Amino acid sequence: MRGTKTVSKTASQIPAYVKELAENEYARENLRKGAESLREGARALADQREHPKRKWPKRLAAAGLAGAAAAGAAMAAKGSGSSNGGEPRQ
């Protein structure tokens, strides 16, 4: 069987992979961070915590309103700031 050969070949390479991981500090650090993340996720599931609600729609709306107000104020200032005292030009 073809699948059995692949599995046994992979299984025979496991000690080499483990030795390489043990010697590689970058890999060890990533594995440590991954394990901590899994533990934290398991705790969150066990405590039935919910994700924090997103606030970006409110922030986006506030930024849009502030931008519109600034643009309106700039247009109003440009329209009323004539150099001849508000009299029409001839």
Protein backbone atom coordinates (compact mmCIF):
# COMPACT_ATOMS: atom_id res chain seq x y z
CA MET A 1 0.00 0.00 0.00
CA ARG A 2 1.21 3.37 -0.92
CA GLY A 3 -0.16 5.30 2.09
CA THR A 4 1.51 3.00 4.60
CA LYS A 5 4.96 3.65 3.12
CA THR A 6 4.44 7.39 3.32
CA VAL A 7 3.26 7.20 6.91
CA SER A 8 6.14 4.97 8.00
CA LYS A 9 8.66 7.19 6.20
CA THR A 10 7.25 10.29 7.89
CA ALA A 11 7.16 8.52 11.25
CA SER A 12 10.80 7.56 10.91
CA GLN A 13 11.74 11.21 10.33
CA ILE A 14 10.03 12.47 13.50
CA PRO A 15 13.09 12.13 15.76
CA ALA A 16 15.14 14.24 13.33
CA TYR A 17 12.44 16.91 13.28
CA VAL A 18 12.20 16.94 17.07
CA LYS A 19 15.98 17.25 17.40
CA GLU A 20 16.04 20.13 14.90
CA LEU A 21 13.23 21.93 16.74
CA ALA A 22 15.00 21.48 20.06
CA GLU A 23 18.14 23.10 18.67
CA ASN A 24 16.37 25.95 16.87
CA GLU A 25 15.62 28.81 19.29
CA TYR A 26 13.35 30.65 16.81
CA ALA A 27 11.20 27.54 16.37
CA ARG A 28 11.09 26.94 20.14
CA GLU A 29 9.95 30.52 20.77
CA ASN A 30 7.21 30.24 18.12
CA LEU A 31 6.06 26.93 19.59
CA ARG A 32 5.99 28.47 23.08
CA LYS A 33 3.91 31.42 21.86
CA GLY A 34 1.58 29.09 19.99
CA ALA A 35 1.07 26.90 23.04
CA GLU A 36 0.34 29.96 25.21
CA SER A 37 -2.17 31.19 22.64
CA LEU A 38 -3.90 27.80 22.62
CA ARG A 39 -4.06 27.80 26.43
CA GLU A 40 -5.54 31.30 26.41
CA GLY A 41 -8.10 30.28 23.81
CA ALA A 42 -9.07 27.20 25.80
CA ARG A 43 -9.52 29.34 28.93
CA ALA A 44 -11.70 31.77 26.99
CA LEU A 45 -13.86 28.93 25.72
CA ALA A 46 -14.14 27.42 29.18
CA ASP A 47 -15.15 30.78 30.67
CA GLN A 48 -17.54 31.40 27.76
CA ARG A 49 -16.09 34.84 27.20
CA GLU A 50 -17.35 36.85 24.25
CA HIS A 51 -15.30 38.83 21.80
CA PRO A 52 -15.15 42.56 22.42
CA LYS A 53 -17.62 44.50 20.32
CA ARG A 54 -16.22 46.39 17.38
CA LYS A 55 -16.14 50.14 17.74
CA TRP A 56 -14.96 51.08 14.27
CA PRO A 57 -18.43 51.88 12.80
CA LYS A 58 -18.97 54.53 15.49
CA ARG A 59 -15.47 55.92 15.03
CA LEU A 60 -15.89 55.99 11.26
CA ALA A 61 -19.18 57.88 11.58
CA ALA A 62 -17.64 60.36 14.01
CA ALA A 63 -14.67 60.95 11.69
CA GLY A 64 -17.03 61.46 8.74
CA LEU A 65 -19.12 63.98 10.65
CA ALA A 66 -16.03 65.84 11.81
CA GLY A 67 -14.71 65.95 8.23
CA ALA A 68 -18.03 67.21 6.90
CA ALA A 69 -18.19 69.89 9.58
CA ALA A 70 -14.64 71.00 8.79
CA ALA A 71 -15.38 71.13 5.06
CA GLY A 72 -18.56 73.13 5.73
CA ALA A 73 -16.68 75.57 7.95
CA ALA A 74 -13.94 75.97 5.31
CA MET A 75 -16.49 76.66 2.59
CA ALA A 76 -18.32 79.16 4.80
CA ALA A 77 -15.08 80.95 5.64
CA LYS A 78 -14.06 81.08 1.98
CA GLY A 79 -17.47 82.45 0.92
CA SER A 80 -17.63 85.25 3.51
CA GLY A 81 -14.01 86.33 3.27
CA SER A 82 -14.19 88.75 0.32
CA SER A 83 -11.64 91.57 0.21
CA ASN A 84 -14.04 94.38 -0.80
CA GLY A 85 -16.23 94.32 2.30
CA GLY A 86 -18.96 92.12 0.91
CA GLU A 87 -19.96 94.48 -1.93
CA PRO A 88 -20.50 92.87 -5.35
CA ARG A 89 -17.74 93.30 -7.91
CA GLN A 90 -18.26 95.40 -11.03
